[in-house]
Amino acid sequence: MKKKSGAKLFSANIINKFMHRQESSIILALAVYIIFVSSVNSTFISSGNIFNIFRSSGFALISITGMTLVLITAGLDLSVGSVLALGGVVSGMVAQAGLPIPLALLSGVAVGSAIGCINGLIIVGLRIPPLIVTLGMQYAARGLVSVITKGVPVYPLPKSFTAMEQVKLFGIIPTVVVVALSIAVIFHIILGHTPFGRSVYALGGNEEAALISGINTRKTKFNVYVITSSLAGLAGVFMAARLGSGEAAAGTGYELTVICGSIIGGTSVLGGTGTILGAVLGGLFMEILTNSLTLMHISVYWQQLVVGTILILAVMLDQYKRDLMLKHSIRGNTQTEKAQKKLTYES
């Protein structure tokens, strides 16, 4: 009997710990949705389709890591789609010029870093809201891509460049997925175990308090925008390698996918909370959702409606959680004050 009660208590503790994790909601949602779609269409769980899901999600997952950092600081970056296109075009032109492939890859990341520096300097230096700055940069970067390419794709690209995305780890896992997950693991460690990670959370939780405590909030804010744009540039390089050309229209709507994935994964739009694991699962959920709706022959227009609705629901859920936590905090403080008054009266 004691063994059974001990096993039940152990199981209850595991379930309780799981439910209190930020990622529990998205994990349960993913599991339920996968079971549902698999029962409706068996093609969904075929090896070929699973490979396509992971391969397609890799591009978004690279940028979701950076976007999560920005959202945790209570910021926003709407320029990542245009930066992806710019990174892909620049790296494609460098590769097409016959320069080494590593240099082509670095050029795509470098142009992303440059855009991130401009975003960060304007946001931090001039104190202009990130929404306005990155929205303007979204149009500026997209316009720059059009000027460079004159609307003509950068094509053809060397086979040595396109091979970069086609190589598979163990003959199964696409390179872009390996890169995306490696970046996610690195930033998961950085967020949870370094002063920079703690400063990111502190900045999003309360910027004034973070400043008073000695955190260089301006430097932290600048760095997250540079990181986000650099990762978008890297995603653009892999996108160009997959398409075999640098496309001016690449990354259109990409920012919505990245932001949705991060928010659905539990990152708060108001800042202060979020995890890389949750964001990665959110990005995977977005890709699974799109893939499954396509398999079920749902119109693209309806797909956009579904994604938009899910984003609104995710933000509403985030706000509900925050209100609930605030109520619990107020209730706890009230009870503490009553207990202190009672002790003072009795003494």
Protein backbone atom coordinates (compact mmCIF):
# COMPACT_ATOMS: atom_id res chain seq x y z
CA MET A 1 0.00 0.00 0.00
CA LYS A 2 2.85 2.36 0.92
CA LYS A 3 4.53 1.69 -2.42
CA LYS A 4 1.32 2.45 -4.30
CA SER A 5 0.68 5.67 -2.37
CA GLY A 6 4.33 6.68 -2.90
CA ALA A 7 4.05 6.04 -6.63
CA LYS A 8 0.82 8.08 -6.80
CA LEU A 9 2.45 10.93 -4.88
CA PHE A 10 5.48 10.82 -7.19
CA SER A 11 3.24 10.88 -10.28
CA ALA A 12 1.20 13.74 -8.84
CA ASN A 13 4.37 15.75 -8.18
CA ILE A 14 5.61 15.22 -11.75
CA ILE A 15 2.23 16.28 -13.20
CA ASN A 16 2.11 19.29 -10.88
CA LYS A 17 5.63 20.40 -11.89
CA PHE A 18 4.80 19.91 -15.57
CA MET A 19 1.59 21.96 -15.36
CA HIS A 20 3.43 24.82 -13.68
CA ARG A 21 5.98 25.05 -16.50
CA GLN A 22 5.46 27.81 -19.05
CA GLU A 23 5.69 25.33 -21.91
CA SER A 24 2.97 22.96 -20.61
CA SER A 25 0.15 24.67 -22.53
CA ILE A 26 1.87 24.53 -25.92
CA ILE A 27 3.03 20.92 -25.36
CA LEU A 28 -0.53 19.81 -24.59
CA ALA A 29 -1.90 21.80 -27.54
CA LEU A 30 0.67 20.24 -29.87
CA ALA A 31 -0.08 16.71 -28.65
CA VAL A 32 -3.85 17.10 -28.97
CA TYR A 33 -3.62 18.73 -32.42
CA ILE A 34 -1.20 16.10 -33.78
CA ILE A 35 -3.48 13.27 -32.61
CA PHE A 36 -6.50 15.00 -34.17
CA VAL A 37 -4.84 15.68 -37.55
CA SER A 38 -3.35 12.17 -37.70
CA SER A 39 -6.80 10.66 -37.23
CA VAL A 40 -8.25 12.87 -39.98
CA ASN A 41 -5.43 12.42 -42.52
CA SER A 42 -2.89 9.61 -42.18
CA THR A 43 -0.57 11.33 -44.70
CA PHE A 44 0.28 13.82 -41.97
CA ILE A 45 2.41 11.30 -40.03
CA SER A 46 4.21 9.93 -43.09
CA SER A 47 8.02 10.18 -42.97
CA GLY A 48 8.10 12.44 -46.04
CA ASN A 49 5.65 14.93 -44.53
CA ILE A 50 7.39 14.96 -41.16
CA PHE A 51 10.67 15.72 -42.96
CA ASN A 52 8.99 18.59 -44.84
CA ILE A 53 7.56 20.02 -41.60
CA PHE A 54 10.96 20.12 -39.90
CA ARG A 55 12.70 21.47 -42.99
CA SER A 56 10.17 24.27 -43.49
CA SER A 57 10.07 25.18 -39.79
CA GLY A 58 13.86 25.53 -39.60
CA PHE A 59 13.88 28.93 -41.33
CA ALA A 60 11.36 30.40 -38.88
CA LEU A 61 12.97 28.75 -35.85
CA ILE A 62 16.27 30.55 -36.52
CA SER A 63 14.57 33.94 -36.19
CA ILE A 64 12.12 32.91 -33.45
CA THR A 65 15.04 32.69 -31.03
CA GLY A 66 15.98 36.31 -31.69
CA MET A 67 12.37 37.52 -31.70
CA THR A 68 11.84 35.90 -28.30
CA LEU A 69 14.68 37.99 -26.86
CA VAL A 70 13.10 41.15 -28.29
CA LEU A 71 9.61 40.32 -26.98
CA ILE A 72 10.94 39.48 -23.50
CA THR A 73 12.41 43.02 -23.36
CA ALA A 74 8.90 44.32 -24.23
CA GLY A 75 10.08 45.25 -27.71
CA LEU A 76 9.08 44.25 -31.25
CA ASP A 77 10.86 43.76 -34.58
CA LEU A 78 8.76 43.88 -37.73
CA SER A 79 11.73 44.09 -40.09
CA VAL A 80 12.89 40.44 -39.92
CA GLY A 81 11.09 39.40 -43.13
CA SER A 82 12.75 42.14 -45.17
CA VAL A 83 16.12 41.45 -43.52
CA LEU A 84 15.75 37.79 -44.51
CA ALA A 85 15.27 38.82 -48.15
CA LEU A 86 18.21 41.23 -48.00
CA GLY A 87 20.49 38.63 -46.40
CA GLY A 88 19.55 36.06 -49.04
CA VAL A 89 20.12 38.44 -51.95
CA VAL A 90 23.47 39.75 -50.68
CA SER A 91 24.83 36.27 -49.89
CA GLY A 92 23.61 35.04 -53.29
CA MET A 93 25.39 37.88 -55.09
CA VAL A 94 28.63 37.19 -53.19
CA ALA A 95 28.42 33.47 -54.04
CA GLN A 96 27.57 34.27 -57.65
CA ALA A 97 30.69 36.46 -57.85
CA GLY A 98 32.79 33.35 -57.22
CA LEU A 99 33.88 34.26 -53.69
CA PRO A 100 34.21 31.52 -51.01
CA ILE A 101 30.94 30.13 -49.62
CA PRO A 102 31.83 30.92 -45.96
CA LEU A 103 32.27 34.56 -47.03
CA ALA A 104 28.85 34.48 -48.72
CA LEU A 105 27.29 33.13 -45.52
CA LEU A 106 29.03 35.76 -43.38
CA SER A 107 27.94 38.55 -45.75
CA GLY A 108 24.28 37.63 -45.23
CA VAL A 109 24.73 37.65 -41.45
CA ALA A 110 26.75 40.89 -41.60
CA VAL A 111 24.07 42.78 -43.53
CA GLY A 112 21.54 41.57 -40.95
CA SER A 113 23.80 42.81 -38.14
CA ALA A 114 24.07 46.20 -39.85
CA ILE A 115 20.27 46.55 -39.99
CA GLY A 116 20.06 45.48 -36.35
CA CYS A 117 22.62 48.13 -35.39
CA ILE A 118 20.57 50.82 -37.13
CA ASN A 119 17.36 49.62 -35.42
CA GLY A 120 19.07 49.47 -32.03
CA LEU A 121 20.74 52.88 -32.32
CA ILE A 122 17.48 54.63 -33.29
CA ILE A 123 15.41 52.83 -30.62
CA VAL A 124 17.97 53.34 -27.84
CA GLY A 125 19.49 56.67 -28.90
CA LEU A 126 16.38 58.54 -30.05
CA ARG A 127 13.91 56.65 -27.81
CA ILE A 128 11.52 56.04 -30.69
CA PRO A 129 9.09 53.11 -30.12
CA PRO A 130 10.35 49.83 -31.66
CA LEU A 131 7.06 49.40 -33.55
CA ILE A 132 7.64 52.59 -35.54
CA VAL A 133 11.37 52.04 -36.12
CA THR A 134 11.14 48.43 -37.26
CA LEU A 135 8.03 49.07 -39.36
CA GLY A 136 9.95 51.79 -41.20
CA MET A 137 12.95 49.48 -41.55
CA GLN A 138 10.68 46.77 -42.94
CA TYR A 139 9.83 49.02 -45.89
CA ALA A 140 13.35 50.46 -46.21
CA ALA A 141 15.06 47.06 -46.31
CA ARG A 142 12.50 45.67 -48.75
CA GLY A 143 12.99 48.72 -50.95
CA LEU A 144 16.77 48.25 -50.81
CA VAL A 145 16.37 44.64 -51.97
CA SER A 146 14.25 45.81 -54.91
CA VAL A 147 16.82 48.47 -55.83
CA ILE A 148 19.68 45.95 -55.73
CA THR A 149 17.89 43.26 -57.73
CA LYS A 150 15.63 45.51 -59.87
CA GLY A 151 13.01 42.84 -59.24
CA VAL A 152 15.08 40.14 -60.94
CA PRO A 153 16.07 37.06 -58.85
CA VAL A 154 19.77 36.49 -58.19
CA TYR A 155 20.06 33.30 -60.26
CA PRO A 156 21.65 30.84 -60.81
CA LEU A 157 23.59 30.22 -57.61
CA PRO A 158 26.63 27.92 -57.44
CA LYS A 159 25.94 24.29 -56.52
CA SER A 160 28.42 24.60 -53.65
CA PHE A 161 26.14 27.32 -52.19
CA THR A 162 22.85 25.45 -52.61
CA ALA A 163 24.46 22.27 -51.24
CA MET A 164 24.80 24.05 -47.90
CA GLU A 165 21.07 23.62 -47.27
CA GLN A 166 20.71 20.22 -48.92
CA VAL A 167 23.20 18.38 -46.69
CA LYS A 168 21.48 16.18 -44.07
CA LEU A 169 22.86 15.09 -40.71
CA PHE A 170 22.84 11.28 -40.54
CA GLY A 171 21.15 11.45 -43.95
CA ILE A 172 17.87 12.50 -42.29
CA ILE A 173 18.01 15.84 -40.46
CA PRO A 174 18.20 18.96 -42.71
CA THR A 175 21.10 21.35 -42.07
CA VAL A 176 18.77 24.29 -41.39
CA VAL A 177 17.08 22.34 -38.57
CA VAL A 178 20.46 21.47 -37.01
CA VAL A 179 21.49 25.14 -37.17
CA ALA A 180 18.14 26.36 -35.78
CA LEU A 181 18.17 23.92 -32.83
CA SER A 182 21.84 24.65 -32.09
CA ILE A 183 21.06 28.38 -31.92
CA ALA A 184 18.04 27.67 -29.71
CA VAL A 185 20.12 25.58 -27.27
CA ILE A 186 22.84 28.26 -27.09
CA PHE A 187 20.38 31.05 -26.32
CA HIS A 188 18.42 28.84 -23.90
CA ILE A 189 21.64 28.55 -21.88
CA ILE A 190 22.42 32.26 -22.27
CA LEU A 191 18.95 33.34 -21.08
CA GLY A 192 18.94 31.03 -18.08
CA HIS A 193 22.54 31.10 -16.91
CA THR A 194 24.27 34.36 -17.84
CA PRO A 195 24.13 38.01 -16.68
CA PHE A 196 22.97 39.01 -20.18
CA GLY A 197 20.00 36.63 -19.93
CA ARG A 198 19.05 37.99 -16.52
CA SER A 199 19.30 41.55 -17.81
CA VAL A 200 16.95 40.69 -20.72
CA TYR A 201 14.27 39.45 -18.29
CA ALA A 202 14.85 42.38 -15.92
CA LEU A 203 14.54 44.89 -18.76
CA GLY A 204 11.19 43.43 -19.83
CA GLY A 205 9.90 43.08 -16.28
CA ASN A 206 10.57 46.66 -15.19
CA GLU A 207 13.02 48.85 -17.11
CA GLU A 208 13.30 51.51 -14.41
CA ALA A 209 13.98 48.95 -11.69
CA ALA A 210 16.57 47.24 -13.94
CA LEU A 211 18.31 50.58 -14.49
CA ILE A 212 18.37 51.36 -10.76
CA SER A 213 19.83 47.92 -10.02
CA GLY A 214 22.83 48.73 -12.21
CA ILE A 215 21.89 46.96 -15.46
CA ASN A 216 22.98 48.71 -18.64
CA THR A 217 19.50 48.67 -20.19
CA ARG A 218 20.55 50.62 -23.28
CA LYS A 219 23.28 48.12 -24.14
CA THR A 220 20.98 45.14 -23.52
CA LYS A 221 18.24 46.60 -25.70
CA PHE A 222 20.71 47.40 -28.49
CA ASN A 223 22.18 43.89 -28.39
CA VAL A 224 18.84 42.07 -28.72
CA TYR A 225 17.99 43.96 -31.93
CA VAL A 226 21.42 43.20 -33.40
CA ILE A 227 21.03 39.51 -32.52
CA THR A 228 17.52 39.33 -34.00
CA SER A 229 18.49 40.92 -37.32
CA SER A 230 21.68 38.85 -37.56
CA LEU A 231 19.66 35.66 -37.19
CA ALA A 232 17.15 36.89 -39.79
CA GLY A 233 20.08 37.45 -42.18
CA LEU A 234 21.31 33.92 -41.49
CA ALA A 235 17.82 32.54 -42.18
CA GLY A 236 17.89 34.45 -45.48
CA VAL A 237 21.14 32.75 -46.49
CA PHE A 238 19.61 29.30 -45.95
CA MET A 239 16.40 30.35 -47.71
CA ALA A 240 18.40 31.44 -50.78
CA ALA A 241 20.31 28.15 -50.69
CA ARG A 242 17.05 26.20 -50.60
CA LEU A 243 15.38 28.19 -53.40
CA GLY A 244 18.55 28.26 -55.48
CA SER A 245 18.15 32.01 -55.95
CA GLY A 246 18.05 35.28 -54.04
CA GLU A 247 14.43 36.41 -54.22
CA ALA A 248 13.33 40.00 -53.56
CA ALA A 249 9.93 38.74 -52.40
CA ALA A 250 11.37 36.18 -49.95
CA GLY A 251 10.25 36.52 -46.34
CA THR A 252 6.97 38.28 -47.10
CA GLY A 253 4.78 37.73 -44.02
CA TYR A 254 7.72 36.02 -42.28
CA GLU A 255 7.60 38.44 -39.34
CA LEU A 256 4.01 37.41 -38.53
CA THR A 257 4.97 33.73 -38.44
CA VAL A 258 7.94 34.43 -36.18
CA ILE A 259 6.02 36.68 -33.79
CA CYS A 260 3.05 34.26 -33.66
CA GLY A 261 5.31 31.31 -32.94
CA SER A 262 7.00 33.07 -30.04
CA ILE A 263 3.76 34.37 -28.51
CA ILE A 264 1.93 31.05 -28.89
CA GLY A 265 4.92 29.45 -27.16
CA GLY A 266 4.28 31.56 -24.05
CA THR A 267 6.34 34.71 -24.62
CA SER A 268 4.46 37.74 -23.32
CA VAL A 269 3.91 40.72 -25.62
CA LEU A 270 4.21 42.91 -22.52
CA GLY A 271 7.70 41.60 -21.75
CA GLY A 272 9.34 39.92 -18.79
CA THR A 273 8.35 36.31 -19.50
CA GLY A 274 9.11 33.70 -22.14
CA THR A 275 11.42 30.78 -22.86
CA ILE A 276 13.34 29.64 -25.92
CA LEU A 277 11.90 26.12 -25.58
CA GLY A 278 8.34 27.44 -25.56
CA ALA A 279 9.05 29.68 -28.57
CA VAL A 280 10.56 26.78 -30.55
CA LEU A 281 7.51 24.63 -29.77
CA GLY A 282 5.28 27.55 -30.79
CA GLY A 283 7.11 27.86 -34.11
CA LEU A 284 6.76 24.13 -34.67
CA PHE A 285 3.05 24.38 -33.89
CA MET A 286 2.66 27.14 -36.51
CA GLU A 287 4.33 25.00 -39.18
CA ILE A 288 2.29 21.92 -38.23
CA LEU A 289 -0.89 24.01 -38.37
CA THR A 290 -0.11 25.37 -41.85
CA ASN A 291 0.96 21.97 -43.13
CA SER A 292 -2.10 20.17 -41.79
CA LEU A 293 -4.53 22.77 -43.16
CA THR A 294 -2.91 22.41 -46.58
CA LEU A 295 -3.23 18.61 -46.40
CA MET A 296 -6.91 19.01 -45.54
CA HIS A 297 -7.31 21.26 -48.63
CA ILE A 298 -8.21 24.32 -46.57
CA SER A 299 -7.97 27.55 -48.59
CA VAL A 300 -4.99 29.85 -47.97
CA TYR A 301 -7.42 32.65 -47.10
CA TRP A 302 -8.96 30.54 -44.35
CA GLN A 303 -5.48 29.63 -43.14
CA GLN A 304 -4.70 33.31 -42.63
CA LEU A 305 -7.94 33.70 -40.68
CA VAL A 306 -7.02 30.75 -38.44
CA VAL A 307 -3.48 32.04 -37.76
CA GLY A 308 -4.77 35.53 -36.95
CA THR A 309 -7.43 34.14 -34.61
CA ILE A 310 -4.89 31.96 -32.80
CA LEU A 311 -2.59 34.96 -32.32
CA ILE A 312 -5.41 37.02 -30.78
CA LEU A 313 -6.38 34.12 -28.50
CA ALA A 314 -2.75 33.67 -27.42
CA VAL A 315 -2.48 37.37 -26.48
CA MET A 316 -5.82 37.19 -24.62
CA LEU A 317 -4.59 34.13 -22.71
CA ASP A 318 -1.37 35.94 -21.82
CA GLN A 319 -3.32 38.92 -20.50
CA TYR A 320 -5.62 36.60 -18.51
CA LYS A 321 -2.60 34.89 -16.90
CA ARG A 322 -1.10 38.27 -15.98
CA ASP A 323 -4.38 39.45 -14.41
CA LEU A 324 -4.63 36.18 -12.48
CA MET A 325 -1.06 36.51 -11.18
CA LEU A 326 -1.75 40.12 -10.16
CA LYS A 327 -4.88 39.08 -8.22
CA HIS A 328 -2.97 36.31 -6.42
CA SER A 329 -0.18 38.77 -5.60
CA ILE A 330 -2.61 41.36 -4.19
CA ARG A 331 -4.47 38.67 -2.22
CA GLY A 332 -1.18 37.37 -0.80
CA ASN A 333 -0.07 40.87 0.23
CA THR A 334 -3.43 41.55 1.87
CA GLN A 335 -3.25 38.32 3.88
CA THR A 336 0.31 39.17 4.97
CA GLU A 337 -0.74 42.64 6.11
CA LYS A 338 -3.67 41.19 8.08
CA ALA A 339 -1.40 38.67 9.80
CA GLN A 340 1.09 41.42 10.72
CA LYS A 341 -1.69 43.63 12.14
CA LYS A 342 -3.01 40.69 14.17
CA LEU A 343 0.45 40.00 15.64
CA THR A 344 0.93 43.69 16.45
CA TYR A 345 -2.51 43.82 18.18
CA GLU A 346 -1.85 40.65 20.22
CA SER A 347 1.55 41.89 21.34
